Structures are given as C-alpha cells and as structure tokens.
C-alpha cells in the first residue's frame, strides 16, 4: 500500500467549507469552494449512478436529493461577485488590531463605488429604493440615522454647546442578524 503525504495532497485535495453563523464570510467562502468543486460533485453523482452495489445506490440517492438545481448554482455564481467586496473588507478590518474610522471610511466608500449603478436603469432602481450613492452622509439613511445627542446638550452654556455639536449618536434602524 502506498503512503500518502498529506502535505502534497493539500495542493489538490479540497474539502467543502462549512457555513457557520459565528464566522464572518463563511457563506461566501463556502459558496466559493462549492463552485470550485461543482464539476467534481456532478462527476461523483454520475459515477455513483452507474454503480450497482447497495452502498453506492444509497449514496447516489442521498447526494442527488441534496444536489443544487441549475438555478441554485446560477444564483451562487451571481452572489459571489456581490459578496466579494464585503468579504475583502471584513477580512481586512478583522485582521487589524485597531479598527479606526480612517480605515473603515475608505473601505465603505470603495464598496459603495463598486455598487454604484452604471446604467440609467440601475440609477432608476437606486432612486426608487432611495439610495443616493453620491452622498456619503445619506447613502445608508434607510438603515442608519445619526442624531444630535440632546441629553448631553441640555442645560449647558452656549459656548460649551458648540464643543458638543460633534457629539452624535448612531441609531441602526434595520439591524442585520449576524447569527
């Protein structure tokens, strides 16, 4: 029997990546790997379909029952370029010890530029859902609001009030469930 060197198999042996609600980008990484393995999965189903032994038939039935439809494969293919900028941003921000506004803001602006509509039809769709990609302060107004902190400003002198004008509170209107 031939010994297999695990270091060499890592060059060509790919495993499916599991989607995990506690890992950022796990859906993106799982779908990306699934697309890479698609032809091998199809080949496995076709091979199992030709086998006559009971285990192969069971494996074929099970794999065929969970196999994605062509529409689902197409959807994953279309989602990868949409999710890629977010995956890159979270990887960059997650890898830094101190995530500052000066680091986040250019990344968010870059993401907005990537999704800025390039056709009149896209511009009309963005206007319909009220997204202004040209304004950094209002591009995400539907999801987030910035309000002056009135409680801190109550009962202070006018000259002190000027110092607190930059004290704002961010309110998330439509929080995203990360679990």
C-alpha atoms as a PDB file:
ATOM      1  CA  UNK A   1       0.000   0.000   0.000  1.00  0.00           C
ATOM      2  CA  UNK A   2       1.316   3.435  -0.951  1.00  0.00           C
ATOM      3  CA  UNK A   3       1.804   6.070   1.749  1.00  0.00           C
ATOM      4  CA  UNK A   4       0.134   9.393   1.024  1.00  0.00           C
ATOM      5  CA  UNK A   5       1.939  12.555   2.029  1.00  0.00           C
ATOM      6  CA  UNK A   6      -0.674  14.988   3.481  1.00  0.00           C
ATOM      7  CA  UNK A   7       1.458  18.000   2.549  1.00  0.00           C
ATOM      8  CA  UNK A   8       1.274  17.070  -1.128  1.00  0.00           C
ATOM      9  CA  UNK A   9      -2.451  16.274  -1.084  1.00  0.00           C
ATOM     10  CA  UNK A  10      -3.228  19.782   0.172  1.00  0.00           C
ATOM     11  CA  UNK A  11      -2.196  21.017  -3.270  1.00  0.00           C
ATOM     12  CA  UNK A  12      -5.036  19.179  -4.993  1.00  0.00           C
ATOM     13  CA  UNK A  13      -7.372  17.895  -2.245  1.00  0.00           C
ATOM     14  CA  UNK A  14     -10.120  20.395  -1.478  1.00  0.00           C
ATOM     15  CA  UNK A  15     -12.716  19.983   1.239  1.00  0.00           C
ATOM     16  CA  UNK A  16     -16.102  21.622   1.434  1.00  0.00           C
ATOM     17  CA  UNK A  17     -16.125  24.672   3.723  1.00  0.00           C
ATOM     18  CA  UNK A  18     -18.989  24.709   6.211  1.00  0.00           C
ATOM     19  CA  UNK A  19     -21.202  27.734   6.620  1.00  0.00           C
ATOM     20  CA  UNK A  20     -21.051  28.934  10.225  1.00  0.00           C
ATOM     21  CA  UNK A  21     -23.165  31.694  11.785  1.00  0.00           C
ATOM     22  CA  UNK A  22     -20.268  32.680  14.054  1.00  0.00           C
ATOM     23  CA  UNK A  23     -17.646  33.056  11.292  1.00  0.00           C
ATOM     24  CA  UNK A  24     -17.630  36.158   9.126  1.00  0.00           C
ATOM     25  CA  UNK A  25     -17.640  35.405   5.394  1.00  0.00           C
ATOM     26  CA  UNK A  26     -18.282  31.695   5.916  1.00  0.00           C
ATOM     27  CA  UNK A  27     -21.214  31.695   3.464  1.00  0.00           C
ATOM     28  CA  UNK A  28     -19.115  33.458   0.854  1.00  0.00           C
ATOM     29  CA  UNK A  29     -16.173  31.073   1.370  1.00  0.00           C
ATOM     30  CA  UNK A  30     -18.452  28.007   1.397  1.00  0.00           C
ATOM     31  CA  UNK A  31     -20.196  29.026  -1.830  1.00  0.00           C
ATOM     32  CA  UNK A  32     -16.902  29.917  -3.478  1.00  0.00           C
ATOM     33  CA  UNK A  33     -15.485  26.478  -2.631  1.00  0.00           C
ATOM     34  CA  UNK A  34     -18.724  24.779  -3.703  1.00  0.00           C
ATOM     35  CA  UNK A  35     -18.429  26.379  -7.144  1.00  0.00           C
ATOM     36  CA  UNK A  36     -14.836  25.188  -7.356  1.00  0.00           C
ATOM     37  CA  UNK A  37     -15.994  21.640  -6.536  1.00  0.00           C
ATOM     38  CA  UNK A  38     -19.135  21.709  -8.717  1.00  0.00           C
ATOM     39  CA  UNK A  39     -17.755  19.629 -11.604  1.00  0.00           C
ATOM     40  CA  UNK A  40     -16.331  17.051  -9.213  1.00  0.00           C
ATOM     41  CA  UNK A  41     -19.653  16.793  -7.369  1.00  0.00           C
ATOM     42  CA  UNK A  42     -21.502  16.271 -10.661  1.00  0.00           C
ATOM     43  CA  UNK A  43     -18.932  13.670 -11.705  1.00  0.00           C
ATOM     44  CA  UNK A  44     -19.391  11.869  -8.362  1.00  0.00           C
ATOM     45  CA  UNK A  45     -23.174  11.774  -8.798  1.00  0.00           C
ATOM     46  CA  UNK A  46     -22.804  10.405 -12.333  1.00  0.00           C
ATOM     47  CA  UNK A  47     -20.295   7.785 -11.176  1.00  0.00           C
ATOM     48  CA  UNK A  48     -22.491   6.696  -8.271  1.00  0.00           C
ATOM     49  CA  UNK A  49     -25.485   6.434 -10.625  1.00  0.00           C
ATOM     50  CA  UNK A  50     -23.676   3.782 -12.691  1.00  0.00           C
ATOM     51  CA  UNK A  51     -22.684   1.603  -9.716  1.00  0.00           C
ATOM     52  CA  UNK A  52     -24.724  -1.455  -8.813  1.00  0.00           C
ATOM     53  CA  UNK A  53     -23.742  -2.035  -5.180  1.00  0.00           C
ATOM     54  CA  UNK A  54     -26.192  -1.080  -2.435  1.00  0.00           C
ATOM     55  CA  UNK A  55     -23.934   1.495  -0.726  1.00  0.00           C
ATOM     56  CA  UNK A  56     -23.314   3.371  -3.970  1.00  0.00           C
ATOM     57  CA  UNK A  57     -27.037   3.431  -4.713  1.00  0.00           C
ATOM     58  CA  UNK A  58     -27.751   4.835  -1.234  1.00  0.00           C
ATOM     59  CA  UNK A  59     -25.013   7.433  -1.620  1.00  0.00           C
ATOM     60  CA  UNK A  60     -26.347   8.372  -5.050  1.00  0.00           C
ATOM     61  CA  UNK A  61     -29.888   8.808  -3.717  1.00  0.00           C
ATOM     62  CA  UNK A  62     -28.708  10.905  -0.783  1.00  0.00           C
ATOM     63  CA  UNK A  63     -26.379  13.115  -2.846  1.00  0.00           C
ATOM     64  CA  UNK A  64     -28.923  13.520  -5.625  1.00  0.00           C
ATOM     65  CA  UNK A  65     -31.599  14.579  -3.116  1.00  0.00           C
ATOM     66  CA  UNK A  66     -29.432  17.411  -1.764  1.00  0.00           C
ATOM     67  CA  UNK A  67     -27.900  18.395  -5.106  1.00  0.00           C
ATOM     68  CA  UNK A  68     -28.436  22.009  -6.085  1.00  0.00           C
ATOM     69  CA  UNK A  69     -30.620  22.814  -9.075  1.00  0.00           C
ATOM     70  CA  UNK A  70     -29.144  24.694 -12.020  1.00  0.00           C
ATOM     71  CA  UNK A  71     -30.965  27.844 -10.834  1.00  0.00           C
ATOM     72  CA  UNK A  72     -29.356  27.494  -7.398  1.00  0.00           C
ATOM     73  CA  UNK A  73     -25.913  27.061  -8.964  1.00  0.00           C
ATOM     74  CA  UNK A  74     -26.558  30.172 -11.082  1.00  0.00           C
ATOM     75  CA  UNK A  75     -27.660  32.130  -8.016  1.00  0.00           C
ATOM     76  CA  UNK A  76     -24.482  31.203  -6.137  1.00  0.00           C
ATOM     77  CA  UNK A  77     -22.441  32.156  -9.206  1.00  0.00           C
ATOM     78  CA  UNK A  78     -24.172  35.554  -9.254  1.00  0.00           C
ATOM     79  CA  UNK A  79     -23.806  36.123  -5.495  1.00  0.00           C
ATOM     80  CA  UNK A  80     -20.035  35.596  -5.377  1.00  0.00           C
ATOM     81  CA  UNK A  81     -19.127  38.930  -7.066  1.00  0.00           C
ATOM     82  CA  UNK A  82     -21.694  40.744  -4.903  1.00  0.00           C
ATOM     83  CA  UNK A  83     -20.318  39.327  -1.651  1.00  0.00           C
ATOM     84  CA  UNK A  84     -16.635  39.559  -2.591  1.00  0.00           C
ATOM     85  CA  UNK A  85     -16.133  43.247  -1.636  1.00  0.00           C
ATOM     86  CA  UNK A  86     -17.740  42.620   1.756  1.00  0.00           C
ATOM     87  CA  UNK A  87     -15.561  39.556   2.318  1.00  0.00           C
ATOM     88  CA  UNK A  88     -12.443  41.527   1.427  1.00  0.00           C
ATOM     89  CA  UNK A  89     -13.471  44.408   3.706  1.00  0.00           C
ATOM     90  CA  UNK A  90     -14.267  42.208   6.701  1.00  0.00           C
ATOM     91  CA  UNK A  91     -11.038  40.274   6.228  1.00  0.00           C
ATOM     92  CA  UNK A  92      -9.046  43.499   6.121  1.00  0.00           C
ATOM     93  CA  UNK A  93     -10.853  45.085   9.064  1.00  0.00           C
ATOM     94  CA  UNK A  94     -10.945  41.862  11.072  1.00  0.00           C
ATOM     95  CA  UNK A  95      -7.216  41.391  10.673  1.00  0.00           C
ATOM     96  CA  UNK A  96      -6.337  44.759  12.158  1.00  0.00           C
ATOM     97  CA  UNK A  97      -5.753  45.230  15.873  1.00  0.00           C
ATOM     98  CA  UNK A  98      -7.411  48.643  15.963  1.00  0.00           C
ATOM     99  CA  UNK A  99     -10.189  49.326  13.506  1.00  0.00           C
ATOM    100  CA  UNK A 100     -10.452  53.104  13.128  1.00  0.00           C
ATOM    101  CA  UNK A 101     -12.782  55.370  11.189  1.00  0.00           C
ATOM    102  CA  UNK A 102      -9.898  56.433   8.954  1.00  0.00           C
ATOM    103  CA  UNK A 103      -9.563  52.791   7.950  1.00  0.00           C
ATOM    104  CA  UNK A 104     -13.286  51.955   7.682  1.00  0.00           C
ATOM    105  CA  UNK A 105     -14.459  55.016   5.775  1.00  0.00           C
ATOM    106  CA  UNK A 106     -12.339  54.468   2.612  1.00  0.00           C
ATOM    107  CA  UNK A 107     -13.361  50.810   2.580  1.00  0.00           C
ATOM    108  CA  UNK A 108     -17.064  51.699   2.772  1.00  0.00           C
ATOM    109  CA  UNK A 109     -16.649  54.344   0.072  1.00  0.00           C
ATOM    110  CA  UNK A 110     -14.932  51.756  -2.136  1.00  0.00           C
ATOM    111  CA  UNK A 111     -17.796  49.285  -1.610  1.00  0.00           C
ATOM    112  CA  UNK A 112     -20.333  51.987  -2.482  1.00  0.00           C
ATOM    113  CA  UNK A 113     -18.400  52.830  -5.666  1.00  0.00           C
ATOM    114  CA  UNK A 114     -18.417  49.185  -6.725  1.00  0.00           C
ATOM    115  CA  UNK A 115     -22.197  49.041  -6.434  1.00  0.00           C
ATOM    116  CA  UNK A 116     -22.908  52.467  -7.901  1.00  0.00           C
ATOM    117  CA  UNK A 117     -25.329  51.943 -10.791  1.00  0.00           C
ATOM    118  CA  UNK A 118     -23.668  52.274 -14.192  1.00  0.00           C
ATOM    119  CA  UNK A 119     -26.790  52.307 -16.378  1.00  0.00           C
ATOM    120  CA  UNK A 120     -29.864  54.527 -16.477  1.00  0.00           C
ATOM    121  CA  UNK A 121     -31.936  51.504 -15.475  1.00  0.00           C
ATOM    122  CA  UNK A 122     -29.694  50.958 -12.441  1.00  0.00           C
ATOM    123  CA  UNK A 123     -29.882  54.634 -11.485  1.00  0.00           C
ATOM    124  CA  UNK A 124     -33.682  54.495 -11.699  1.00  0.00           C
ATOM    125  CA  UNK A 125     -33.742  51.399  -9.478  1.00  0.00           C
ATOM    126  CA  UNK A 126     -31.453  53.066  -6.903  1.00  0.00           C
ATOM    127  CA  UNK A 127     -33.665  56.159  -6.888  1.00  0.00           C
ATOM    128  CA  UNK A 128     -36.759  54.009  -6.451  1.00  0.00           C
ATOM    129  CA  UNK A 129     -35.363  52.468  -3.269  1.00  0.00           C
ATOM    130  CA  UNK A 130     -33.975  55.883  -2.240  1.00  0.00           C
ATOM    131  CA  UNK A 131     -30.227  55.213  -2.228  1.00  0.00           C
ATOM    132  CA  UNK A 132     -28.044  58.196  -3.046  1.00  0.00           C
ATOM    133  CA  UNK A 133     -24.633  56.708  -3.858  1.00  0.00           C
ATOM    134  CA  UNK A 134     -23.112  60.140  -4.400  1.00  0.00           C
ATOM    135  CA  UNK A 135     -23.671  61.331  -0.828  1.00  0.00           C
ATOM    136  CA  UNK A 136     -21.549  59.647   1.835  1.00  0.00           C
ATOM    137  CA  UNK A 137     -23.767  61.035   4.590  1.00  0.00           C
ATOM    138  CA  UNK A 138     -27.085  59.700   3.257  1.00  0.00           C
ATOM    139  CA  UNK A 139     -26.258  56.569   1.265  1.00  0.00           C
ATOM    140  CA  UNK A 140     -27.419  54.322   4.091  1.00  0.00           C
ATOM    141  CA  UNK A 141     -30.067  56.578   5.681  1.00  0.00           C
ATOM    142  CA  UNK A 142     -32.758  53.927   5.470  1.00  0.00           C
ATOM    143  CA  UNK A 143     -30.684  51.632   7.652  1.00  0.00           C
ATOM    144  CA  UNK A 144     -28.991  54.152   9.901  1.00  0.00           C
ATOM    145  CA  UNK A 145     -29.695  57.555  11.403  1.00  0.00           C
ATOM    146  CA  UNK A 146     -27.332  59.989  13.101  1.00  0.00           C
ATOM    147  CA  UNK A 147     -28.952  62.213  15.719  1.00  0.00           C
ATOM    148  CA  UNK A 148     -27.646  65.016  17.883  1.00  0.00           C
ATOM    149  CA  UNK A 149     -27.319  63.943  21.494  1.00  0.00           C
ATOM    150  CA  UNK A 150     -29.809  66.370  23.045  1.00  0.00           C
ATOM    151  CA  UNK A 151     -29.496  64.970  26.569  1.00  0.00           C
ATOM    152  CA  UNK A 152     -25.830  65.921  26.750  1.00  0.00           C
ATOM    153  CA  UNK A 153     -26.570  69.391  25.406  1.00  0.00           C
ATOM    154  CA  UNK A 154     -29.431  70.156  27.805  1.00  0.00           C
ATOM    155  CA  UNK A 155     -28.612  72.785  30.427  1.00  0.00           C
ATOM    156  CA  UNK A 156     -25.154  73.814  29.225  1.00  0.00           C
ATOM    157  CA  UNK A 157     -23.824  77.224  28.244  1.00  0.00           C
ATOM    158  CA  UNK A 158     -23.824  78.259  24.572  1.00  0.00           C
ATOM    159  CA  UNK A 159     -20.021  78.230  24.327  1.00  0.00           C
ATOM    160  CA  UNK A 160     -19.942  74.677  25.735  1.00  0.00           C
ATOM    161  CA  UNK A 161     -22.779  73.653  23.412  1.00  0.00           C
ATOM    162  CA  UNK A 162     -20.548  74.470  20.428  1.00  0.00           C
ATOM    163  CA  UNK A 163     -17.970  71.957  21.699  1.00  0.00           C
ATOM    164  CA  UNK A 164     -20.600  69.213  21.809  1.00  0.00           C
ATOM    165  CA  UNK A 165     -22.037  69.717  18.308  1.00  0.00           C
ATOM    166  CA  UNK A 166     -19.940  66.821  17.042  1.00  0.00           C
ATOM    167  CA  UNK A 167     -21.317  64.507  19.724  1.00  0.00           C
ATOM    168  CA  UNK A 168     -23.761  62.386  17.749  1.00  0.00           C
ATOM    169  CA  UNK A 169     -25.494  59.092  18.287  1.00  0.00           C
ATOM    170  CA  UNK A 170     -25.833  56.447  15.600  1.00  0.00           C
ATOM    171  CA  UNK A 171     -29.091  54.542  15.526  1.00  0.00           C
ATOM    172  CA  UNK A 172     -29.387  51.348  13.492  1.00  0.00           C
ATOM    173  CA  UNK A 173     -32.915  51.240  12.043  1.00  0.00           C
ATOM    174  CA  UNK A 174     -32.665  47.884  10.295  1.00  0.00           C
ATOM    175  CA  UNK A 175     -30.135  45.766  12.188  1.00  0.00           C
ATOM    176  CA  UNK A 176     -28.681  42.778  10.395  1.00  0.00           C
ATOM    177  CA  UNK A 177     -28.869  39.478  12.236  1.00  0.00           C
ATOM    178  CA  UNK A 178     -25.322  38.105  12.180  1.00  0.00           C
ATOM    179  CA  UNK A 179     -26.272  34.737  13.633  1.00  0.00           C
END
